């Protein structure tokens, strides 16, 4: 059975609330989708749950048309983050991909065995003549093994 959890923020407080919910319910989702932050981010979180190791993807899709996209934090020297990027102070979290400068959407295809996701960028509302849609990211979950496919 596929378990999808929707959340509205990527803050540490929300992660703690989610972890408490996982523990209290005795269930772990296969994937977490969220919005609110106005960009695209895909993280992989390593979890030990019920004596087993899991890779839990967290997908943030907030690129639906807010007037100003939120830029990702840069390194201290001003360089952009290269992915994959291990999140500092978190042994369990890796930023796999992001897009902070283009509007877009995520398309999800679900079968009994897998979930496939693809993030596409689209033209900004101010450049509607630029109709080039571009695939920025894709991921696949094996729902039988409850993990990401490499």
Protein backbone atom coordinates (compact mmCIF):
# COMPACT_ATOMS: atom_id res chain seq x y z
CA UNK A 1 0.00 0.00 0.00
CA UNK A 2 1.28 3.45 -0.92
CA UNK A 3 1.49 5.99 1.87
CA UNK A 4 1.71 9.66 0.87
CA UNK A 5 1.95 12.43 3.41
CA UNK A 6 1.32 16.05 2.49
CA UNK A 7 2.85 18.80 4.58
CA UNK A 8 3.06 22.55 4.25
CA UNK A 9 6.60 23.42 5.35
CA UNK A 10 10.11 22.03 5.43
CA UNK A 11 11.09 23.42 8.81
CA UNK A 12 12.78 21.37 11.50
CA UNK A 13 9.73 21.80 13.72
CA UNK A 14 7.53 20.19 11.07
CA UNK A 15 10.02 17.32 10.71
CA UNK A 16 9.77 16.72 14.47
CA UNK A 17 5.97 16.81 14.31
CA UNK A 18 6.02 14.36 11.41
CA UNK A 19 8.40 12.02 13.25
CA UNK A 20 6.10 12.04 16.26
CA UNK A 21 3.16 11.29 13.97
CA UNK A 22 5.04 8.38 12.36
CA UNK A 23 5.83 6.95 15.78
CA UNK A 24 2.35 7.42 17.26
CA UNK A 25 0.56 6.01 14.20
CA UNK A 26 2.96 3.12 13.72
CA UNK A 27 3.16 4.01 10.01
CA UNK A 28 5.80 5.50 7.74
CA UNK A 29 4.88 7.17 4.42
CA UNK A 30 6.62 6.22 1.19
CA UNK A 31 6.94 9.89 0.23
CA UNK A 32 6.25 13.35 1.68
CA UNK A 33 4.92 16.15 -0.58
CA UNK A 34 4.83 19.74 0.60
CA UNK A 35 4.31 23.23 -0.67
CA UNK A 36 4.40 26.77 0.69
CA UNK A 37 8.09 27.43 -0.02
CA UNK A 38 8.06 28.95 -3.52
CA UNK A 39 10.61 26.78 -5.30
CA UNK A 40 11.25 23.08 -6.05
CA UNK A 41 13.35 20.89 -3.73
CA UNK A 42 13.86 17.12 -3.48
CA UNK A 43 15.51 15.68 -0.38
CA UNK A 44 16.29 12.12 0.60
CA UNK A 45 16.12 11.35 4.31
CA UNK A 46 17.69 8.22 5.79
CA UNK A 47 15.48 6.78 8.54
CA UNK A 48 15.76 3.88 10.94
CA UNK A 49 12.18 2.82 11.51
CA UNK A 50 10.97 -0.30 13.26
CA UNK A 51 14.43 -1.86 12.98
CA UNK A 52 14.74 -1.23 9.21
CA UNK A 53 16.51 1.42 7.16
CA UNK A 54 14.45 3.55 4.78
CA UNK A 55 15.10 6.28 2.23
CA UNK A 56 12.20 8.71 2.54
CA UNK A 57 11.90 11.33 -0.23
CA UNK A 58 10.63 14.78 0.70
CA UNK A 59 9.38 16.78 -2.29
CA UNK A 60 8.69 20.53 -2.04
CA UNK A 61 6.74 21.93 -5.00
CA UNK A 62 5.85 25.58 -4.60
CA UNK A 63 6.49 26.80 -8.14
CA UNK A 64 2.88 27.22 -9.23
CA UNK A 65 2.84 30.94 -9.86
CA UNK A 66 3.56 33.02 -6.75
CA UNK A 67 4.82 36.41 -7.92
CA UNK A 68 8.28 35.87 -6.46
CA UNK A 69 10.12 32.55 -6.25
CA UNK A 70 12.23 31.89 -3.14
CA UNK A 71 15.93 31.52 -3.85
CA UNK A 72 17.95 28.84 -2.12
CA UNK A 73 20.63 29.78 0.36
CA UNK A 74 24.12 30.01 -1.13
CA UNK A 75 27.50 29.02 0.26
CA UNK A 76 29.37 31.63 2.30
CA UNK A 77 31.46 32.57 -0.76
CA UNK A 78 28.30 33.25 -2.80
CA UNK A 79 28.46 30.08 -4.89
CA UNK A 80 25.26 28.17 -5.52
CA UNK A 81 24.70 24.80 -3.85
CA UNK A 82 25.75 21.86 -6.02
CA UNK A 83 23.63 18.72 -5.73
CA UNK A 84 23.68 16.24 -4.21
CA UNK A 85 24.36 18.28 -1.08
CA UNK A 86 24.51 16.82 2.44
CA UNK A 87 22.61 19.18 4.69
CA UNK A 88 24.95 20.49 7.44
CA UNK A 89 24.12 19.38 10.98
CA UNK A 90 21.84 16.62 9.63
CA UNK A 91 23.42 13.19 9.18
CA UNK A 92 20.19 11.90 7.68
CA UNK A 93 19.36 14.48 4.98
CA UNK A 94 20.64 15.10 1.42
CA UNK A 95 19.36 17.74 -0.99
CA UNK A 96 19.21 15.79 -4.25
CA UNK A 97 17.90 18.47 -6.62
CA UNK A 98 16.33 21.92 -6.64
CA UNK A 99 15.07 24.66 -8.94
CA UNK A 100 14.67 28.14 -7.47
CA UNK A 101 14.50 30.31 -10.59
CA UNK A 102 11.76 28.76 -12.77
CA UNK A 103 8.04 28.19 -12.35
CA UNK A 104 6.95 24.63 -12.83
CA UNK A 105 4.97 21.56 -11.85
CA UNK A 106 5.49 17.96 -10.81
CA UNK A 107 3.85 15.12 -12.70
CA UNK A 108 3.32 11.91 -10.76
CA UNK A 109 2.60 8.53 -12.38
CA UNK A 110 1.47 5.77 -10.04
CA UNK A 111 1.16 2.03 -10.63
CA UNK A 112 0.80 -0.86 -8.20
CA UNK A 113 4.59 -1.29 -8.14
CA UNK A 114 6.07 2.17 -8.48
CA UNK A 115 5.64 5.91 -8.24
CA UNK A 116 7.43 8.03 -10.81
CA UNK A 117 7.78 11.79 -10.41
CA UNK A 118 9.08 14.40 -12.83
CA UNK A 119 9.50 18.12 -12.25
CA UNK A 120 9.14 20.38 -15.29
CA UNK A 121 9.93 24.08 -15.55
CA UNK A 122 7.61 26.36 -17.54
CA UNK A 123 7.65 29.94 -18.75
CA UNK A 124 7.30 32.66 -16.15
CA UNK A 125 4.07 34.70 -16.21
CA UNK A 126 6.10 37.62 -17.62
CA UNK A 127 7.52 35.57 -20.52
CA UNK A 128 4.53 33.65 -21.81
CA UNK A 129 5.97 33.66 -25.35
CA UNK A 130 8.69 31.32 -24.06
CA UNK A 131 6.69 28.08 -24.08
CA UNK A 132 9.66 25.74 -23.69
CA UNK A 133 8.87 23.16 -21.02
CA UNK A 134 12.00 21.50 -19.65
CA UNK A 135 12.38 18.45 -17.41
CA UNK A 136 14.54 19.47 -14.44
CA UNK A 137 14.30 16.40 -12.17
CA UNK A 138 12.90 12.90 -11.98
CA UNK A 139 12.70 10.20 -9.34
CA UNK A 140 11.24 6.73 -8.94
CA UNK A 141 10.03 4.83 -5.88
CA UNK A 142 9.82 1.06 -5.70
CA UNK A 143 6.63 0.61 -3.69
CA UNK A 144 7.31 -3.04 -2.94
CA UNK A 145 10.70 -2.30 -1.36
CA UNK A 146 9.63 1.13 -0.01
CA UNK A 147 12.70 2.84 -1.40
CA UNK A 148 14.14 4.97 -4.16
CA UNK A 149 15.38 3.42 -7.39
CA UNK A 150 18.91 4.58 -8.20
